[in-house]
Amino acid sequence: MTQDQVEYLDDIVSRSIEQARRAITKFPQPNYCLLKVAEEAGEVVKAGVHLAEGRDFTHADLEGEVVDTIAMLFRVLIEGDQVIGLPPTYKDRTT
C-alpha cells in the first residue's frame, strides 16, 4: 500500500470517527446499531452499483456511504446495541 493510499484511508477513518460522534449524540442508545450496519452496507452496495452503471452517483457519494457504514461499525464496538442486548466490545478487550 502506498503512502498516498494510507493517507486516504486515514482521512476516511477520521471522517468515520467524527460521524460516529455526531450520531451517538443525535441518536443515543437504545438504538438498533447492529441492524443499521446492514442498512448502511446496503447503501454502499447501491452506491457502488449505481456508480458503475453511470447513474447519478459519484465517488464522493460512495465514500460517504462507506464513512457512514464504518461509523455504525464503530458504534457497535463502542456502544453495542442496547435494543438487542449486545454489549460493547471495547470494555472487554484483553489486549
Protein backbone atom coordinates (compact mmCIF):
# COMPACT_ATOMS: atom_id res chain seq x y z
CA MET A 1 0.00 0.00 0.00
CA THR A 2 1.35 3.40 -0.91
CA GLN A 3 1.67 6.31 1.49
CA ASP A 4 -0.96 8.18 -0.52
CA GLN A 5 -3.39 5.29 -0.05
CA VAL A 6 -2.67 5.17 3.68
CA GLU A 7 -3.36 8.90 3.95
CA TYR A 8 -6.62 8.45 2.02
CA LEU A 9 -7.74 5.70 4.41
CA ASP A 10 -6.67 7.78 7.41
CA ASP A 11 -9.00 10.51 6.17
CA ILE A 12 -11.86 8.03 5.75
CA VAL A 13 -11.34 6.71 9.29
CA SER A 14 -11.16 10.23 10.74
CA ARG A 15 -14.39 11.17 8.99
CA SER A 16 -16.00 7.96 10.26
CA ILE A 17 -15.00 8.71 13.85
CA GLU A 18 -16.49 12.19 13.60
CA GLN A 19 -19.65 10.79 12.04
CA ALA A 20 -19.94 8.24 14.86
CA ARG A 21 -19.53 11.01 17.46
CA ARG A 22 -22.32 13.05 15.86
CA ALA A 23 -24.60 10.01 15.57
CA ILE A 24 -24.05 8.99 19.20
CA THR A 25 -25.16 12.44 20.29
CA LYS A 26 -28.06 12.76 17.85
CA PHE A 27 -29.35 9.17 18.13
CA PRO A 28 -28.41 7.87 21.59
CA GLN A 29 -28.95 4.37 22.85
CA PRO A 30 -31.11 2.41 22.90
CA ASN A 31 -30.56 2.19 19.18
CA TYR A 32 -30.59 -0.62 16.59
CA CYS A 33 -26.90 -0.18 15.77
CA LEU A 34 -26.34 -3.71 14.51
CA LEU A 35 -29.34 -3.59 12.19
CA LYS A 36 -28.19 -0.21 10.89
CA VAL A 37 -24.81 -1.70 9.96
CA ALA A 38 -26.61 -3.91 7.45
CA GLU A 39 -28.69 -0.99 6.20
CA GLU A 40 -25.60 1.18 5.68
CA ALA A 41 -23.70 -1.66 4.00
CA GLY A 42 -26.62 -1.99 1.59
CA GLU A 43 -26.25 1.70 0.80
CA VAL A 44 -22.58 1.11 -0.06
CA VAL A 45 -23.58 -1.64 -2.48
CA LYS A 46 -26.30 0.52 -4.02
CA ALA A 47 -23.93 3.47 -4.46
CA GLY A 48 -21.25 1.22 -5.96
CA VAL A 49 -23.63 -0.39 -8.43
CA HIS A 50 -25.15 2.93 -9.45
CA LEU A 51 -21.71 4.49 -9.84
CA ALA A 52 -20.57 1.57 -12.01
CA GLU A 53 -23.71 1.87 -14.12
CA GLY A 54 -23.18 5.58 -14.66
CA ARG A 55 -26.25 6.63 -12.69
CA ASP A 56 -26.49 9.76 -10.57
CA PHE A 57 -23.85 8.66 -8.05
CA THR A 58 -20.32 9.98 -7.65
CA HIS A 59 -17.19 8.70 -6.00
CA ALA A 60 -17.95 11.16 -3.18
CA ASP A 61 -21.37 9.52 -2.73
CA LEU A 62 -19.73 6.10 -2.44
CA GLU A 63 -17.16 7.44 0.03
CA GLY A 64 -19.94 9.00 2.09
CA GLU A 65 -21.76 5.69 2.33
CA VAL A 66 -18.53 3.91 3.32
CA VAL A 67 -17.94 6.55 6.03
CA ASP A 68 -21.49 6.05 7.33
CA THR A 69 -21.04 2.27 7.42
CA ILE A 70 -17.72 2.47 9.26
CA ALA A 71 -19.28 4.94 11.72
CA MET A 72 -22.04 2.43 12.52
CA LEU A 73 -19.47 -0.33 12.94
CA PHE A 74 -17.59 1.91 15.36
CA ARG A 75 -20.84 2.48 17.29
CA VAL A 76 -21.36 -1.28 17.60
CA LEU A 77 -17.87 -1.63 19.06
CA ILE A 78 -18.17 1.38 21.39
CA GLU A 79 -21.84 1.20 22.42
CA GLY A 80 -23.05 -2.24 21.47
CA ASP A 81 -26.75 -2.40 20.68
CA GLN A 82 -28.89 -1.86 23.75
CA VAL A 83 -32.09 -2.75 21.91
CA ILE A 84 -30.99 -6.37 21.42
CA GLY A 85 -28.72 -6.56 24.48
CA LEU A 86 -25.40 -6.63 22.60
CA PRO A 87 -22.71 -5.26 24.93
CA PRO A 88 -19.93 -3.01 23.66
CA THR A 89 -16.68 -4.81 22.95
CA TYR A 90 -14.17 -2.11 23.80
CA LYS A 91 -14.71 -2.62 27.54
CA ASP A 92 -13.90 -6.34 27.31
CA ARG A 93 -10.66 -6.09 25.36
CA THR A 94 -7.93 -8.38 26.61
CA THR A 95 -5.06 -6.66 24.80
